């Protein structure tokens, strides 16, 4: 499902909100500010800076928290999203920024309104938060999101490469459906919102981006062991064009046979002729229980 926030501020209001410092938005402002800071956007990190305050405000609107609830922003950059969060009265806000020059810029620009942590979102200690929001660098978006999901962050609002967003939300039978889709649903639910074109960034990327929201499960994980489940998925999707009759024996050990396990998991009768991308996440959750010798919970089957 795709939606767009209807509560965005105008560009003028976004830049001139009282008591908030102006942040660079237009491409020429971004270029001159980066030059002054001695920062060159990293191609290795897939680093581009958002220039559209409407997009930033749409992201901030999706945080959906009352004031006083902690929010973490990943990749503060030059502060366009930080400013949008503050305009909506969200916070306290902790911003994690990998580039120390940008981290100093954010701390100087926003002062005591935010807390800045200079560090890599893949390794820095994650502060407690009721929501995490970020315009994620293309090269690191997937591992960052998986880390946030595994940390069971209650709500994650993200802007990432469109292909990654649609892989996260893909369903069975889709060309984008695979391990990432199933892992995302293991940890919670995904909803996609507006698509953002390359013209909304500087430097301009070659691909589109998309906003999405992940909401963490409030109930226990639907598999006995997450690491073992991830390994099962890795084996089954390593040759995704092969049929499950050839793939399922790779994950079955002991005296049980692949047909026995498939039956215990309540897989469809024609499972052997199907490919992994044809089965829903619940079928793989049920498989995890069957492989562990456990009874498949009601509702966890194909």
Protein backbone atom coordinates (compact mmCIF):
# COMPACT_ATOMS: atom_id res chain seq x y z
CA UNK A 1 0.00 0.00 0.00
CA UNK A 2 1.32 3.47 -0.87
CA UNK A 3 0.30 6.64 0.92
CA UNK A 4 1.57 10.20 1.25
CA UNK A 5 1.39 12.43 4.31
CA UNK A 6 -1.12 15.24 3.77
CA UNK A 7 0.17 17.36 6.65
CA UNK A 8 3.40 18.63 5.07
CA UNK A 9 4.54 22.18 5.69
CA UNK A 10 5.15 24.58 2.84
CA UNK A 11 8.74 25.23 1.75
CA UNK A 12 8.59 28.73 3.20
CA UNK A 13 7.29 27.54 6.57
CA UNK A 14 9.81 24.71 6.57
CA UNK A 15 12.67 27.19 6.21
CA UNK A 16 11.32 29.99 8.38
CA UNK A 17 9.79 28.14 11.34
CA UNK A 18 10.33 30.29 14.47
CA UNK A 19 13.09 29.40 16.89
CA UNK A 20 14.66 26.90 14.50
CA UNK A 21 17.88 27.56 12.61
CA UNK A 22 17.80 27.45 8.83
CA UNK A 23 19.41 24.37 7.35
CA UNK A 24 20.73 24.01 3.79
CA UNK A 25 18.09 22.57 1.47
CA UNK A 26 18.68 23.71 -2.09
CA UNK A 27 21.42 21.91 -4.04
CA UNK A 28 23.60 25.04 -4.24
CA UNK A 29 23.28 25.57 -0.48
CA UNK A 30 24.20 21.95 0.17
CA UNK A 31 27.22 22.11 -2.12
CA UNK A 32 28.55 25.30 -0.54
CA UNK A 33 27.99 24.02 3.00
CA UNK A 34 29.72 20.72 2.27
CA UNK A 35 32.63 22.57 0.69
CA UNK A 36 32.93 24.79 3.76
CA UNK A 37 32.95 21.70 5.98
CA UNK A 38 35.48 19.91 3.78
CA UNK A 39 33.03 17.10 3.08
CA UNK A 40 32.78 15.31 -0.25
CA UNK A 41 29.73 13.02 -0.59
CA UNK A 42 30.91 9.43 -0.43
CA UNK A 43 30.11 7.22 -3.41
CA UNK A 44 31.18 4.25 -1.31
CA UNK A 45 28.46 5.02 1.23
CA UNK A 46 25.91 5.92 -1.46
CA UNK A 47 25.64 9.32 0.22
CA UNK A 48 23.13 11.89 -1.06
CA UNK A 49 21.49 14.73 0.85
CA UNK A 50 17.74 15.31 0.85
CA UNK A 51 16.74 18.71 -0.57
CA UNK A 52 12.94 18.51 -0.31
CA UNK A 53 11.42 19.65 3.03
CA UNK A 54 8.06 18.16 2.01
CA UNK A 55 9.65 14.70 2.00
CA UNK A 56 11.35 15.34 5.35
CA UNK A 57 8.04 16.46 6.85
CA UNK A 58 6.25 13.39 5.46
CA UNK A 59 8.82 11.21 7.24
CA UNK A 60 8.46 13.16 10.48
CA UNK A 61 4.67 12.81 10.31
CA UNK A 62 5.01 9.03 10.10
CA UNK A 63 6.89 8.87 13.42
CA UNK A 64 3.48 9.29 15.10
CA UNK A 65 4.66 9.83 18.66
CA UNK A 66 3.60 12.35 21.29
CA UNK A 67 6.16 14.81 22.63
CA UNK A 68 8.40 13.42 25.34
CA UNK A 69 8.98 10.04 23.69
CA UNK A 70 12.58 9.35 22.61
CA UNK A 71 13.37 9.36 18.88
CA UNK A 72 16.62 8.33 17.20
CA UNK A 73 17.56 9.70 13.78
CA UNK A 74 20.07 7.73 11.71
CA UNK A 75 22.32 9.77 9.43
CA UNK A 76 21.52 13.39 10.31
CA UNK A 77 23.49 14.81 7.38
CA UNK A 78 22.90 18.57 7.19
CA UNK A 79 19.78 18.52 9.33
CA UNK A 80 16.78 18.75 7.00
CA UNK A 81 15.04 15.78 8.66
CA UNK A 82 16.19 16.84 12.13
CA UNK A 83 14.52 20.22 11.61
CA UNK A 84 11.31 18.52 10.45
CA UNK A 85 11.24 16.37 13.60
CA UNK A 86 11.74 19.44 15.81
CA UNK A 87 9.02 21.40 13.99
CA UNK A 88 6.57 18.64 14.94
CA UNK A 89 7.59 18.85 18.59
CA UNK A 90 9.09 15.36 18.62
CA UNK A 91 11.79 14.37 21.03
CA UNK A 92 14.03 14.08 22.88
CA UNK A 93 16.00 13.41 19.68
CA UNK A 94 19.33 11.62 19.41
CA UNK A 95 21.02 11.88 16.01
CA UNK A 96 23.59 9.29 14.96
CA UNK A 97 25.95 10.60 12.28
CA UNK A 98 28.96 8.70 10.97
CA UNK A 99 30.88 11.68 9.56
CA UNK A 100 32.36 13.60 12.46
CA UNK A 101 32.39 16.87 10.50
CA UNK A 102 28.66 16.58 9.90
CA UNK A 103 28.13 15.56 13.52
CA UNK A 104 29.87 18.76 14.66
CA UNK A 105 27.77 20.79 12.20
CA UNK A 106 24.55 19.32 13.61
CA UNK A 107 25.63 19.91 17.21
CA UNK A 108 26.53 23.52 16.42
CA UNK A 109 23.39 24.17 14.36
CA UNK A 110 20.82 22.70 16.75
CA UNK A 111 22.62 23.05 20.07
CA UNK A 112 20.80 21.67 23.09
CA UNK A 113 17.70 20.80 21.08
CA UNK A 114 19.27 17.44 20.13
CA UNK A 115 21.92 14.98 21.26
CA UNK A 116 24.47 14.06 18.59
CA UNK A 117 26.35 10.75 18.58
CA UNK A 118 29.30 10.57 16.18
CA UNK A 119 29.43 6.94 15.12
CA UNK A 120 28.49 4.23 12.66
CA UNK A 121 24.87 3.09 12.94
CA UNK A 122 26.05 -0.46 12.25
CA UNK A 123 28.19 -0.61 15.39
CA UNK A 124 27.42 2.25 17.78
CA UNK A 125 25.32 1.47 20.85
CA UNK A 126 21.70 2.21 19.98
CA UNK A 127 20.01 4.54 22.50
CA UNK A 128 16.59 3.50 23.82
CA UNK A 129 13.91 4.84 21.49
CA UNK A 130 10.22 4.54 20.74
CA UNK A 131 10.92 5.30 17.08
CA UNK A 132 13.88 5.44 14.72
CA UNK A 133 13.82 7.52 11.54
CA UNK A 134 16.41 8.03 8.85
CA UNK A 135 17.39 8.77 5.28
CA UNK A 136 19.72 5.80 4.98
CA UNK A 137 22.78 5.64 2.72
CA UNK A 138 22.10 3.23 -0.13
CA UNK A 139 25.18 1.10 0.49
CA UNK A 140 24.36 0.39 4.14
CA UNK A 141 20.56 0.62 4.24
CA UNK A 142 19.83 -3.11 4.41
CA UNK A 143 22.24 -4.01 7.24
CA UNK A 144 21.18 -0.93 9.21
CA UNK A 145 17.50 -1.85 8.90
CA UNK A 146 18.15 -5.47 9.85
CA UNK A 147 20.03 -4.29 12.93
CA UNK A 148 17.12 -2.04 13.93
CA UNK A 149 14.59 -4.82 13.34
CA UNK A 150 16.65 -7.29 15.40
CA UNK A 151 16.89 -4.71 18.19
CA UNK A 152 13.06 -4.68 18.15
CA UNK A 153 12.81 -0.94 17.73
CA UNK A 154 9.06 -0.36 18.04
CA UNK A 155 8.74 1.81 14.93
CA UNK A 156 11.24 2.44 12.14
CA UNK A 157 10.55 5.11 9.51
CA UNK A 158 13.00 4.88 6.63
CA UNK A 159 13.81 6.40 3.26
CA UNK A 160 15.86 3.99 1.18
CA UNK A 161 16.45 2.92 -2.40
CA UNK A 162 13.08 1.98 -3.90
CA UNK A 163 14.23 -1.53 -4.80
CA UNK A 164 15.23 -2.25 -1.18
CA UNK A 165 11.94 -0.90 0.17
CA UNK A 166 9.94 -3.04 -2.23
CA UNK A 167 11.99 -6.14 -1.42
CA UNK A 168 11.19 -5.62 2.25
CA UNK A 169 7.45 -5.43 1.56
CA UNK A 170 7.20 -7.98 -1.27
CA UNK A 171 4.77 -10.89 -1.11
CA UNK A 172 4.98 -14.44 -2.50
CA UNK A 173 5.19 -14.68 -6.26
CA UNK A 174 6.75 -11.25 -6.64
CA UNK A 175 10.12 -10.92 -8.34
CA UNK A 176 11.36 -8.97 -5.32
CA UNK A 177 10.15 -11.51 -2.73
CA UNK A 178 12.88 -13.41 -0.94
CA UNK A 179 14.89 -13.77 2.25
CA UNK A 180 14.75 -10.06 3.07
CA UNK A 181 10.96 -10.00 2.74
CA UNK A 182 10.57 -12.96 5.08
CA UNK A 183 13.05 -11.62 7.66
CA UNK A 184 11.25 -8.26 7.70
CA UNK A 185 7.95 -10.04 8.43
CA UNK A 186 9.63 -12.22 11.04
CA UNK A 187 10.38 -9.07 12.99
CA UNK A 188 7.15 -7.17 12.28
CA UNK A 189 5.08 -5.58 9.52
CA UNK A 190 6.03 -3.29 6.66
CA UNK A 191 4.00 -0.56 4.96
CA UNK A 192 5.30 1.50 2.04
CA UNK A 193 4.45 5.12 1.33
CA UNK A 194 5.44 7.67 -1.30
CA UNK A 195 8.13 7.25 -3.93
CA UNK A 196 10.79 9.97 -3.99
CA UNK A 197 12.52 10.86 -7.25
CA UNK A 198 16.24 11.53 -7.74
CA UNK A 199 15.54 15.26 -8.09
CA UNK A 200 14.89 15.42 -4.32
CA UNK A 201 18.56 14.77 -3.53
CA UNK A 202 21.99 16.31 -4.03
CA UNK A 203 24.09 14.82 -5.44
CA UNK A 204 21.34 13.36 -7.60
CA UNK A 205 21.31 9.54 -7.39
CA UNK A 206 20.56 7.30 -10.37
CA UNK A 207 17.65 5.53 -8.67
CA UNK A 208 14.35 6.34 -7.00
CA UNK A 209 13.81 6.09 -3.26
CA UNK A 210 10.78 5.20 -1.19
CA UNK A 211 9.50 5.88 2.31
CA UNK A 212 8.46 2.94 4.46
CA UNK A 213 7.51 2.08 8.03
CA UNK A 214 8.31 -1.09 9.97
CA UNK A 215 6.34 -1.83 13.14
CA UNK A 216 7.87 -4.42 15.47
CA UNK A 217 5.96 -7.48 16.64
CA UNK A 218 4.48 -7.15 20.09
CA UNK A 219 4.19 -10.94 20.39
CA UNK A 220 7.03 -13.54 20.53
CA UNK A 221 8.93 -14.44 17.38
CA UNK A 222 7.11 -17.05 15.26
CA UNK A 223 10.20 -19.30 15.06
CA UNK A 224 12.07 -21.25 17.79
CA UNK A 225 15.50 -19.77 16.91
CA UNK A 226 16.13 -16.69 14.77
CA UNK A 227 19.76 -17.58 13.86
CA UNK A 228 18.76 -21.11 12.82
CA UNK A 229 15.83 -19.75 10.85
CA UNK A 230 18.07 -17.30 9.00
CA UNK A 231 20.40 -20.16 8.07
CA UNK A 232 17.48 -22.24 6.76
CA UNK A 233 16.38 -19.32 4.59
CA UNK A 234 19.91 -18.82 3.31
CA UNK A 235 20.09 -22.44 2.14
CA UNK A 236 16.63 -22.50 0.60
CA UNK A 237 17.03 -19.23 -1.29
CA UNK A 238 20.63 -19.82 -2.41
CA UNK A 239 19.28 -21.43 -5.59
CA UNK A 240 15.87 -19.84 -5.81
CA UNK A 241 15.12 -21.15 -9.29
CA UNK A 242 15.36 -24.75 -8.09
CA UNK A 243 12.28 -26.57 -6.89
CA UNK A 244 11.80 -27.33 -3.22
CA UNK A 245 12.15 -31.06 -3.88
CA UNK A 246 15.85 -30.33 -4.47
CA UNK A 247 16.22 -27.64 -1.80
CA UNK A 248 14.38 -28.94 1.28
CA UNK A 249 16.72 -31.95 1.81
CA UNK A 250 19.53 -29.41 2.36
CA UNK A 251 17.99 -28.32 5.65
CA UNK A 252 16.66 -31.66 6.91
CA UNK A 253 18.84 -33.73 9.23
CA UNK A 254 18.41 -36.84 11.32
CA UNK A 255 15.95 -39.61 10.59
CA UNK A 256 13.23 -37.35 9.18
CA UNK A 257 12.84 -37.05 5.42
CA UNK A 258 11.98 -33.95 3.46
CA UNK A 259 8.40 -35.18 2.80
CA UNK A 260 7.98 -35.88 6.54
CA UNK A 261 9.07 -32.35 7.43
CA UNK A 262 6.89 -30.80 4.74
CA UNK A 263 3.90 -32.71 6.06
CA UNK A 264 4.60 -31.65 9.66
CA UNK A 265 4.81 -28.05 8.47
CA UNK A 266 1.43 -28.42 6.73
CA UNK A 267 2.93 -27.42 3.39
CA UNK A 268 0.69 -27.80 0.31
CA UNK A 269 0.61 -31.21 -1.34
CA UNK A 270 2.42 -29.92 -4.42
CA UNK A 271 5.27 -28.36 -2.41
CA UNK A 272 7.92 -30.45 -4.20
CA UNK A 273 7.16 -28.74 -7.52
CA UNK A 274 7.15 -25.25 -6.07
CA UNK A 275 10.02 -22.79 -5.71
CA UNK A 276 10.84 -20.95 -2.46
CA UNK A 277 9.43 -17.63 -3.67
CA UNK A 278 6.00 -19.21 -4.11
CA UNK A 279 5.46 -19.91 -0.38
CA UNK A 280 4.38 -17.24 2.15
CA UNK A 281 6.43 -16.34 5.23
CA UNK A 282 4.09 -18.37 7.44
CA UNK A 283 5.11 -21.53 5.55
CA UNK A 284 8.73 -20.93 6.48
CA UNK A 285 7.82 -20.12 10.08
CA UNK A 286 5.99 -23.46 10.22
CA UNK A 287 9.01 -25.19 8.67
CA UNK A 288 11.22 -23.84 11.45
CA UNK A 289 8.97 -25.47 14.06
CA UNK A 290 8.86 -28.75 12.16
CA UNK A 291 12.66 -28.84 11.83
CA UNK A 292 12.99 -28.22 15.57
CA UNK A 293 10.61 -31.12 16.30
CA UNK A 294 7.95 -28.81 17.63
CA UNK A 295 4.25 -28.66 16.95
CA UNK A 296 3.39 -26.03 14.39
CA UNK A 297 1.34 -23.29 16.09
CA UNK A 298 -2.15 -22.79 14.74
CA UNK A 299 -2.12 -20.29 11.91
CA UNK A 300 1.57 -20.77 11.11
CA UNK A 301 1.31 -22.70 7.87
CA UNK A 302 0.92 -22.13 4.16
